[in-house]
Amino acid sequence: MDPIDFSAAKHLAAISKILELARLPYRCNVTKRATEDIVRLRLTKAAVLEAVCDHLERQKPTYVLMQDWGIEAYVMLPCLIDVHELYVKVQIPPCNAGSDQELVIISAHKPEYEPKRNVDAKRKK
């Protein structure tokens, strides 16, 4: 899977909305899994949201996954939060007319496998 192209029109609106919502903690919900991840690593929701903003503003490696229920989720990997390099997945679920949009932190855990780094790619050549 390749990282997104931050200049692609299809990602601009979603990234802008994620950044907007991540700056409003009261508009961000955390799943049970993400809560367990965050507590286990002794992090805070605020730290995760700050890292998401930093990651996206710097256009670090970000990927799109289609969830089983047909909603896209954005994955930041590796996302640096304090001293941890984590797999962070967020999404903006559809909302009813008149309802406020929200950002959902789906997960924030150590990667199940190490992200490919430029150094690793050069070694394989």
C-alpha atoms as a PDB file:
ATOM      1  CA  MET A   1       0.000   0.000   0.000  1.00  0.00           C
ATOM      2  CA  ASP A   2       1.389   3.404  -0.991  1.00  0.00           C
ATOM      3  CA  PRO A   3       1.099   6.600   1.072  1.00  0.00           C
ATOM      4  CA  ILE A   4      -1.524   9.106  -0.049  1.00  0.00           C
ATOM      5  CA  ASP A   5      -0.690  12.031  -2.282  1.00  0.00           C
ATOM      6  CA  PHE A   6      -1.474  15.034  -0.094  1.00  0.00           C
ATOM      7  CA  SER A   7      -2.070  17.177  -3.191  1.00  0.00           C
ATOM      8  CA  ALA A   8      -4.760  14.828  -4.567  1.00  0.00           C
ATOM      9  CA  ALA A   9      -8.197  16.439  -4.513  1.00  0.00           C
ATOM     10  CA  LYS A  10      -9.828  13.312  -3.090  1.00  0.00           C
ATOM     11  CA  HIS A  11      -7.720  13.575   0.084  1.00  0.00           C
ATOM     12  CA  LEU A  12      -7.584  17.359   0.556  1.00  0.00           C
ATOM     13  CA  ALA A  13     -11.085  17.707   2.008  1.00  0.00           C
ATOM     14  CA  ALA A  14     -10.733  14.713   4.319  1.00  0.00           C
ATOM     15  CA  ILE A  15      -7.314  15.774   5.638  1.00  0.00           C
ATOM     16  CA  SER A  16      -8.576  19.340   6.196  1.00  0.00           C
ATOM     17  CA  LYS A  17     -11.607  18.017   8.092  1.00  0.00           C
ATOM     18  CA  ILE A  18      -9.461  15.675  10.207  1.00  0.00           C
ATOM     19  CA  LEU A  19      -7.174  18.595  11.109  1.00  0.00           C
ATOM     20  CA  GLU A  20     -10.161  20.809  11.953  1.00  0.00           C
ATOM     21  CA  LEU A  21     -11.808  18.188  14.175  1.00  0.00           C
ATOM     22  CA  ALA A  22      -8.549  17.094  15.844  1.00  0.00           C
ATOM     23  CA  ARG A  23      -8.180  20.652  17.156  1.00  0.00           C
ATOM     24  CA  LEU A  24     -11.581  20.327  18.859  1.00  0.00           C
ATOM     25  CA  PRO A  25     -11.194  17.510  21.414  1.00  0.00           C
ATOM     26  CA  TYR A  26     -14.869  17.657  22.372  1.00  0.00           C
ATOM     27  CA  ARG A  27     -15.676  16.634  18.761  1.00  0.00           C
ATOM     28  CA  CYS A  28     -13.386  13.596  18.939  1.00  0.00           C
ATOM     29  CA  ASN A  29     -14.427  10.203  20.220  1.00  0.00           C
ATOM     30  CA  VAL A  30     -12.164   7.321  21.090  1.00  0.00           C
ATOM     31  CA  THR A  31     -13.100   3.680  20.547  1.00  0.00           C
ATOM     32  CA  LYS A  32     -12.739   1.147  23.331  1.00  0.00           C
ATOM     33  CA  ARG A  33      -9.702  -0.355  21.579  1.00  0.00           C
ATOM     34  CA  ALA A  34      -8.019   3.034  21.178  1.00  0.00           C
ATOM     35  CA  THR A  35      -8.773   3.905  24.810  1.00  0.00           C
ATOM     36  CA  GLU A  36      -7.103   0.675  25.909  1.00  0.00           C
ATOM     37  CA  ASP A  37      -4.130   1.414  23.619  1.00  0.00           C
ATOM     38  CA  ILE A  38      -3.761   4.960  24.962  1.00  0.00           C
ATOM     39  CA  VAL A  39      -4.054   3.924  28.616  1.00  0.00           C
ATOM     40  CA  ARG A  40      -1.604   1.034  28.162  1.00  0.00           C
ATOM     41  CA  LEU A  41       1.024   3.435  26.788  1.00  0.00           C
ATOM     42  CA  ARG A  42       0.230   6.105  29.409  1.00  0.00           C
ATOM     43  CA  LEU A  43      -0.743   8.629  26.771  1.00  0.00           C
ATOM     44  CA  THR A  44      -3.653  11.045  26.600  1.00  0.00           C
ATOM     45  CA  LYS A  45      -6.305  11.753  24.002  1.00  0.00           C
ATOM     46  CA  ALA A  46      -4.850  15.266  23.714  1.00  0.00           C
ATOM     47  CA  ALA A  47      -1.381  13.859  22.957  1.00  0.00           C
ATOM     48  CA  VAL A  48      -2.803  11.609  20.230  1.00  0.00           C
ATOM     49  CA  LEU A  49      -4.753  14.469  18.648  1.00  0.00           C
ATOM     50  CA  GLU A  50      -1.712  16.751  18.742  1.00  0.00           C
ATOM     51  CA  ALA A  51       0.393  14.046  17.087  1.00  0.00           C
ATOM     52  CA  VAL A  52      -2.268  13.498  14.400  1.00  0.00           C
ATOM     53  CA  CYS A  53      -2.210  17.217  13.572  1.00  0.00           C
ATOM     54  CA  ASP A  54       1.580  17.336  13.505  1.00  0.00           C
ATOM     55  CA  HIS A  55       1.765  14.208  11.347  1.00  0.00           C
ATOM     56  CA  LEU A  56      -0.716  15.488   8.767  1.00  0.00           C
ATOM     57  CA  GLU A  57       0.638  19.043   8.704  1.00  0.00           C
ATOM     58  CA  ARG A  58       4.115  17.672   7.963  1.00  0.00           C
ATOM     59  CA  GLN A  59       2.611  15.330   5.352  1.00  0.00           C
ATOM     60  CA  LYS A  60       4.237  12.274   6.875  1.00  0.00           C
ATOM     61  CA  PRO A  61       3.310   8.785   5.580  1.00  0.00           C
ATOM     62  CA  THR A  62      -0.457   8.439   5.669  1.00  0.00           C
ATOM     63  CA  TYR A  63      -2.566   5.696   4.130  1.00  0.00           C
ATOM     64  CA  VAL A  64      -6.239   5.106   3.383  1.00  0.00           C
ATOM     65  CA  LEU A  65      -8.022   1.908   4.347  1.00  0.00           C
ATOM     66  CA  MET A  66     -11.581   1.037   3.400  1.00  0.00           C
ATOM     67  CA  GLN A  67     -13.301  -0.269   6.514  1.00  0.00           C
ATOM     68  CA  ASP A  68     -15.601  -3.308   6.318  1.00  0.00           C
ATOM     69  CA  TRP A  69     -18.626  -1.025   6.618  1.00  0.00           C
ATOM     70  CA  GLY A  70     -17.573   1.079   3.606  1.00  0.00           C
ATOM     71  CA  ILE A  71     -16.084   4.115   5.364  1.00  0.00           C
ATOM     72  CA  GLU A  72     -12.532   5.255   4.660  1.00  0.00           C
ATOM     73  CA  ALA A  73     -10.103   5.476   7.561  1.00  0.00           C
ATOM     74  CA  TYR A  74      -6.791   7.293   7.516  1.00  0.00           C
ATOM     75  CA  VAL A  75      -3.766   5.536   8.969  1.00  0.00           C
ATOM     76  CA  MET A  76      -0.686   7.404  10.129  1.00  0.00           C
ATOM     77  CA  LEU A  77       2.318   5.132  10.337  1.00  0.00           C
ATOM     78  CA  PRO A  78       4.622   5.702  12.029  1.00  0.00           C
ATOM     79  CA  CYS A  79       2.966   8.439  14.077  1.00  0.00           C
ATOM     80  CA  LEU A  80       5.282   9.802  16.753  1.00  0.00           C
ATOM     81  CA  ILE A  81       3.540  10.358  20.091  1.00  0.00           C
ATOM     82  CA  ASP A  82       5.920  11.232  22.900  1.00  0.00           C
ATOM     83  CA  VAL A  83       8.583   8.491  22.662  1.00  0.00           C
ATOM     84  CA  HIS A  84       6.342   6.013  20.823  1.00  0.00           C
ATOM     85  CA  GLU A  85       6.109   5.300  17.089  1.00  0.00           C
ATOM     86  CA  LEU A  86       2.515   4.154  16.697  1.00  0.00           C
ATOM     87  CA  TYR A  87      -0.082   2.973  14.198  1.00  0.00           C
ATOM     88  CA  VAL A  88      -2.864   5.545  14.488  1.00  0.00           C
ATOM     89  CA  LYS A  89      -6.142   5.096  12.615  1.00  0.00           C
ATOM     90  CA  VAL A  90      -8.871   7.753  12.483  1.00  0.00           C
ATOM     91  CA  GLN A  91     -12.074   8.259  10.537  1.00  0.00           C
ATOM     92  CA  ILE A  92     -14.885  10.723  10.081  1.00  0.00           C
ATOM     93  CA  PRO A  93     -18.105   8.714  10.111  1.00  0.00           C
ATOM     94  CA  PRO A  94     -21.113  10.026   8.199  1.00  0.00           C
ATOM     95  CA  CYS A  95     -23.500  12.077  10.297  1.00  0.00           C
ATOM     96  CA  ASN A  96     -27.169  12.987  10.079  1.00  0.00           C
ATOM     97  CA  ALA A  97     -28.225  16.385   8.778  1.00  0.00           C
ATOM     98  CA  GLY A  98     -28.087  18.906  11.593  1.00  0.00           C
ATOM     99  CA  SER A  99     -25.624  16.806  13.595  1.00  0.00           C
ATOM    100  CA  ASP A 100     -22.039  17.795  14.261  1.00  0.00           C
ATOM    101  CA  GLN A 101     -19.347  15.815  12.505  1.00  0.00           C
ATOM    102  CA  GLU A 102     -16.911  13.997  14.719  1.00  0.00           C
ATOM    103  CA  LEU A 103     -13.508  12.439  14.438  1.00  0.00           C
ATOM    104  CA  VAL A 104     -13.113   8.902  15.770  1.00  0.00           C
ATOM    105  CA  ILE A 105      -9.754   7.581  16.936  1.00  0.00           C
ATOM    106  CA  ILE A 106     -10.052   3.898  16.087  1.00  0.00           C
ATOM    107  CA  SER A 107      -6.628   2.757  17.240  1.00  0.00           C
ATOM    108  CA  ALA A 108      -3.325   4.064  18.553  1.00  0.00           C
ATOM    109  CA  HIS A 109      -0.979   1.145  19.176  1.00  0.00           C
ATOM    110  CA  LYS A 110       2.471  -0.110  18.362  1.00  0.00           C
ATOM    111  CA  PRO A 111       2.590  -1.435  14.797  1.00  0.00           C
ATOM    112  CA  GLU A 112       2.123  -5.167  14.433  1.00  0.00           C
ATOM    113  CA  TYR A 113       5.070  -5.055  12.052  1.00  0.00           C
ATOM    114  CA  GLU A 114       7.710  -2.421  11.480  1.00  0.00           C
ATOM    115  CA  PRO A 115       7.008   0.245   8.859  1.00  0.00           C
ATOM    116  CA  LYS A 116       9.280   0.131   5.818  1.00  0.00           C
ATOM    117  CA  ARG A 117      11.911   2.816   6.023  1.00  0.00           C
ATOM    118  CA  ASN A 118      13.959   4.384   3.248  1.00  0.00           C
ATOM    119  CA  VAL A 119      17.099   2.758   4.682  1.00  0.00           C
ATOM    120  CA  ASP A 120      15.480  -0.695   4.415  1.00  0.00           C
ATOM    121  CA  ALA A 121      14.429  -0.062   0.826  1.00  0.00           C
ATOM    122  CA  LYS A 122      17.965   0.987  -0.149  1.00  0.00           C
ATOM    123  CA  ARG A 123      19.448  -2.174   1.379  1.00  0.00           C
ATOM    124  CA  LYS A 124      17.249  -4.399  -0.780  1.00  0.00           C
ATOM    125  CA  LYS A 125      18.558  -2.824  -4.007  1.00  0.00           C
END
